[in-house]
């Protein structure tokens, strides 16, 4: 893995080269509150952003609170979220999530990682995204792009996204936590792509432990 000094330098270069967090950034998938952010994040598993957006719009047109969601039958939920795939499993998770949210938290989404992780259907990535976007915490949420980029460059050497998140929390300088997610995800989408990384345009190519690909 890169040294502490090299990690600092990677973040400095990405901060200069990549778009940062916008002042009016909303929750995951553009949702305006913690509850809908959690649901949308659950729907996004193994789904394209466009399909997640369709499913979220259809579902929230029917219900936008835990009580309203639980008043729907499973068929109504599954039909609404069908565009995002795995709709039967996601329907079960949505019901369990809402039941636990009401029973254990009075219907209010907790703002801590431990509280979020205690809810059915919420994993580390979703918890960190909600913490960052909705509650304004300085957290680097790890999605597919961030996981790929960090382990290619050498910021981390983890095999899973959760382990990548743990290592980033330990190895990232405090000043980079607020913008790190945005820099890394944009870098992964624009430059350090999965199949055709643009190494010739990479601002950290001289530090990258993988080296030029292709």
Protein backbone atom coordinates (compact mmCIF):
# COMPACT_ATOMS: atom_id res chain seq x y z
CA UNK A 1 0.00 0.00 0.00
CA UNK A 2 1.00 3.62 -0.44
CA UNK A 3 2.77 5.39 2.39
CA UNK A 4 1.04 8.00 4.53
CA UNK A 5 2.78 10.77 2.57
CA UNK A 6 1.71 9.24 -0.75
CA UNK A 7 -1.89 8.88 0.44
CA UNK A 8 -1.93 12.60 1.28
CA UNK A 9 -0.56 13.42 -2.17
CA UNK A 10 -3.19 11.27 -3.94
CA UNK A 11 -5.98 13.12 -2.16
CA UNK A 12 -4.43 16.52 -2.89
CA UNK A 13 -4.24 15.77 -6.62
CA UNK A 14 -7.76 14.34 -6.78
CA UNK A 15 -9.09 17.33 -4.85
CA UNK A 16 -7.64 19.61 -7.54
CA UNK A 17 -8.68 17.48 -10.51
CA UNK A 18 -12.12 16.11 -9.59
CA UNK A 19 -15.45 17.84 -8.85
CA UNK A 20 -16.13 18.22 -5.14
CA UNK A 21 -19.24 17.90 -3.07
CA UNK A 22 -21.83 20.45 -4.13
CA UNK A 23 -23.42 22.70 -1.55
CA UNK A 24 -26.91 21.38 -2.23
CA UNK A 25 -26.05 17.68 -2.58
CA UNK A 26 -29.01 15.52 -1.61
CA UNK A 27 -29.15 12.00 -0.31
CA UNK A 28 -28.42 8.89 -2.34
CA UNK A 29 -30.23 8.83 -5.66
CA UNK A 30 -31.39 12.41 -5.03
CA UNK A 31 -33.71 11.63 -2.14
CA UNK A 32 -34.47 14.53 0.23
CA UNK A 33 -34.56 12.77 3.60
CA UNK A 34 -32.94 9.93 5.55
CA UNK A 35 -35.91 7.57 5.25
CA UNK A 36 -36.20 7.73 1.49
CA UNK A 37 -32.40 7.69 1.19
CA UNK A 38 -32.30 4.36 3.04
CA UNK A 39 -35.03 2.84 0.90
CA UNK A 40 -33.45 4.04 -2.36
CA UNK A 41 -30.07 2.72 -1.30
CA UNK A 42 -31.63 -0.68 -0.63
CA UNK A 43 -33.24 -0.62 -4.08
CA UNK A 44 -29.93 0.23 -5.75
CA UNK A 45 -28.32 -3.15 -4.99
CA UNK A 46 -27.29 -4.76 -8.32
CA UNK A 47 -29.32 -2.17 -10.20
CA UNK A 48 -28.51 0.55 -12.71
CA UNK A 49 -29.03 4.11 -11.46
CA UNK A 50 -31.75 4.71 -14.03
CA UNK A 51 -33.69 1.62 -12.92
CA UNK A 52 -33.27 2.50 -9.25
CA UNK A 53 -34.66 5.96 -9.98
CA UNK A 54 -37.72 4.49 -11.73
CA UNK A 55 -38.38 2.10 -8.86
CA UNK A 56 -37.93 4.81 -6.23
CA UNK A 57 -40.33 7.20 -7.97
CA UNK A 58 -42.99 4.52 -8.33
CA UNK A 59 -42.67 3.37 -4.72
CA UNK A 60 -42.64 6.83 -3.15
CA UNK A 61 -45.70 7.78 -5.17
CA UNK A 62 -47.49 5.11 -3.12
CA UNK A 63 -45.86 5.66 0.28
CA UNK A 64 -43.21 7.93 1.80
CA UNK A 65 -43.35 7.04 5.52
CA UNK A 66 -42.87 3.78 7.44
CA UNK A 67 -46.55 3.64 8.32
CA UNK A 68 -47.67 4.17 4.75
CA UNK A 69 -45.17 1.62 3.48
CA UNK A 70 -46.36 -1.09 5.87
CA UNK A 71 -49.96 -0.41 4.85
CA UNK A 72 -49.09 -1.62 1.33
CA UNK A 73 -49.25 -5.31 0.52
CA UNK A 74 -46.19 -7.09 -0.83
CA UNK A 75 -47.60 -7.26 -4.34
CA UNK A 76 -47.97 -3.48 -4.52
CA UNK A 77 -44.39 -2.92 -3.35
CA UNK A 78 -42.96 -5.57 -5.67
CA UNK A 79 -44.80 -4.17 -8.68
CA UNK A 80 -43.57 -0.65 -7.97
CA UNK A 81 -39.93 -1.64 -7.55
CA UNK A 82 -39.79 -4.24 -10.33
CA UNK A 83 -37.52 -2.08 -12.57
CA UNK A 84 -34.62 -2.39 -10.11
CA UNK A 85 -34.58 -6.20 -10.11
CA UNK A 86 -34.51 -8.69 -7.20
CA UNK A 87 -37.86 -7.18 -6.31
CA UNK A 88 -39.14 -10.07 -4.18
CA UNK A 89 -36.09 -10.03 -1.91
CA UNK A 90 -36.10 -6.25 -1.79
CA UNK A 91 -39.79 -6.23 -0.92
CA UNK A 92 -39.10 -8.48 2.07
CA UNK A 93 -36.19 -6.30 3.15
CA UNK A 94 -38.27 -3.13 2.85
CA UNK A 95 -40.97 -4.62 5.06
CA UNK A 96 -38.46 -5.81 7.68
CA UNK A 97 -36.68 -2.44 7.59
CA UNK A 98 -39.90 -0.52 8.23
CA UNK A 99 -41.02 -2.86 10.98
CA UNK A 100 -37.68 -2.50 12.78
CA UNK A 101 -37.57 1.25 12.22
CA UNK A 102 -40.94 1.69 13.92
CA UNK A 103 -40.40 -0.85 16.68
CA UNK A 104 -36.86 0.13 17.63
CA UNK A 105 -36.53 3.79 16.62
CA UNK A 106 -40.05 5.18 16.64
CA UNK A 107 -39.94 5.60 12.86
CA UNK A 108 -36.93 7.96 12.98
CA UNK A 109 -33.84 6.92 11.01
CA UNK A 110 -30.83 6.83 13.37
CA UNK A 111 -27.92 9.10 12.50
CA UNK A 112 -25.11 6.82 13.70
CA UNK A 113 -23.44 4.01 11.78
CA UNK A 114 -24.23 1.45 14.48
CA UNK A 115 -27.86 2.55 14.53
CA UNK A 116 -28.18 2.33 10.77
CA UNK A 117 -26.44 -1.06 10.62
CA UNK A 118 -28.90 -2.42 13.17
CA UNK A 119 -31.69 -2.06 10.61
CA UNK A 120 -32.49 -4.93 8.21
CA UNK A 121 -31.25 -4.33 4.66
CA UNK A 122 -28.73 -1.64 5.61
CA UNK A 123 -25.07 -2.51 5.04
CA UNK A 124 -21.89 -0.50 5.53
CA UNK A 125 -22.07 1.25 2.15
CA UNK A 126 -25.67 2.34 2.60
CA UNK A 127 -25.05 3.45 6.19
CA UNK A 128 -22.05 5.56 5.18
CA UNK A 129 -23.89 7.12 2.23
CA UNK A 130 -26.81 8.14 4.44
CA UNK A 131 -24.45 9.46 7.11
CA UNK A 132 -22.54 11.52 4.55
CA UNK A 133 -25.36 12.91 2.41
CA UNK A 134 -28.22 13.17 4.87
CA UNK A 135 -26.50 13.81 8.18
CA UNK A 136 -23.43 15.67 6.93
CA UNK A 137 -20.87 13.39 8.53
CA UNK A 138 -17.33 13.28 7.14
CA UNK A 139 -17.37 9.72 5.83
CA UNK A 140 -15.99 8.14 2.66
CA UNK A 141 -18.71 5.79 1.46
CA UNK A 142 -17.39 2.90 -0.64
CA UNK A 143 -19.31 1.85 -3.73
CA UNK A 144 -18.05 -0.22 -6.70
CA UNK A 145 -16.08 2.68 -8.19
CA UNK A 146 -14.41 3.71 -4.93
CA UNK A 147 -13.53 0.10 -4.06
CA UNK A 148 -11.91 -0.43 -7.48
CA UNK A 149 -9.97 2.84 -7.49
CA UNK A 150 -8.61 2.56 -3.96
CA UNK A 151 -7.27 -0.93 -4.44
CA UNK A 152 -5.82 -0.20 -7.88
CA UNK A 153 -3.95 2.86 -6.70
CA UNK A 154 -2.82 1.42 -3.40
CA UNK A 155 -4.81 3.52 -0.97
CA UNK A 156 -6.09 0.18 0.34
CA UNK A 157 -5.44 -3.51 -0.25
CA UNK A 158 -8.84 -4.97 0.65
CA UNK A 159 -10.84 -7.67 -1.10
CA UNK A 160 -14.27 -6.39 -0.05
CA UNK A 161 -15.93 -2.98 -0.08
CA UNK A 162 -16.49 -3.12 3.68
CA UNK A 163 -12.79 -3.77 4.32
CA UNK A 164 -11.90 -0.98 1.92
CA UNK A 165 -14.14 1.36 3.94
CA UNK A 166 -12.42 0.32 7.17
CA UNK A 167 -8.95 0.89 5.74
CA UNK A 168 -9.91 4.26 4.27
CA UNK A 169 -11.22 5.36 7.65
CA UNK A 170 -7.88 4.43 9.21
CA UNK A 171 -5.57 5.74 6.46
CA UNK A 172 -7.27 8.88 5.11
CA UNK A 173 -6.29 12.29 6.48
CA UNK A 174 -9.07 14.05 8.35
CA UNK A 175 -9.23 16.91 5.86
CA UNK A 176 -10.02 14.49 2.99
CA UNK A 177 -12.99 12.74 4.60
CA UNK A 178 -15.59 15.33 3.61
CA UNK A 179 -14.74 15.33 -0.11
CA UNK A 180 -13.05 11.95 -0.52
CA UNK A 181 -16.15 10.06 -1.64
CA UNK A 182 -16.90 12.61 -4.37
CA UNK A 183 -13.32 12.80 -5.65
CA UNK A 184 -12.87 9.02 -5.74
CA UNK A 185 -16.22 8.19 -7.34
CA UNK A 186 -15.78 10.81 -10.07
CA UNK A 187 -12.23 9.61 -10.68
CA UNK A 188 -13.55 6.04 -11.01
CA UNK A 189 -16.24 7.07 -13.48
CA UNK A 190 -14.16 9.45 -15.59
CA UNK A 191 -10.60 8.15 -15.53
CA UNK A 192 -9.96 4.93 -13.59
CA UNK A 193 -12.72 3.02 -15.35
CA UNK A 194 -13.29 -0.68 -14.86
CA UNK A 195 -12.55 -1.97 -18.37
CA UNK A 196 -10.72 0.87 -20.07
CA UNK A 197 -8.87 3.01 -17.52
CA UNK A 198 -7.44 6.18 -19.02
CA UNK A 199 -4.00 5.85 -17.47
CA UNK A 200 -2.52 8.46 -19.81
CA UNK A 201 -4.88 11.07 -18.31
CA UNK A 202 -4.43 9.96 -14.70
CA UNK A 203 -3.16 12.61 -12.28
CA UNK A 204 -1.79 9.97 -9.90
CA UNK A 205 -0.25 7.58 -12.44
CA UNK A 206 3.24 8.03 -11.00
CA UNK A 207 1.99 6.93 -7.58
CA UNK A 208 -0.35 4.14 -8.72
CA UNK A 209 0.83 0.72 -7.56
CA UNK A 210 -0.84 -1.09 -10.46
CA UNK A 211 0.79 0.99 -13.16
CA UNK A 212 -0.51 1.51 -16.72
CA UNK A 213 -3.25 -0.92 -17.74
CA UNK A 214 -3.73 -2.09 -21.30
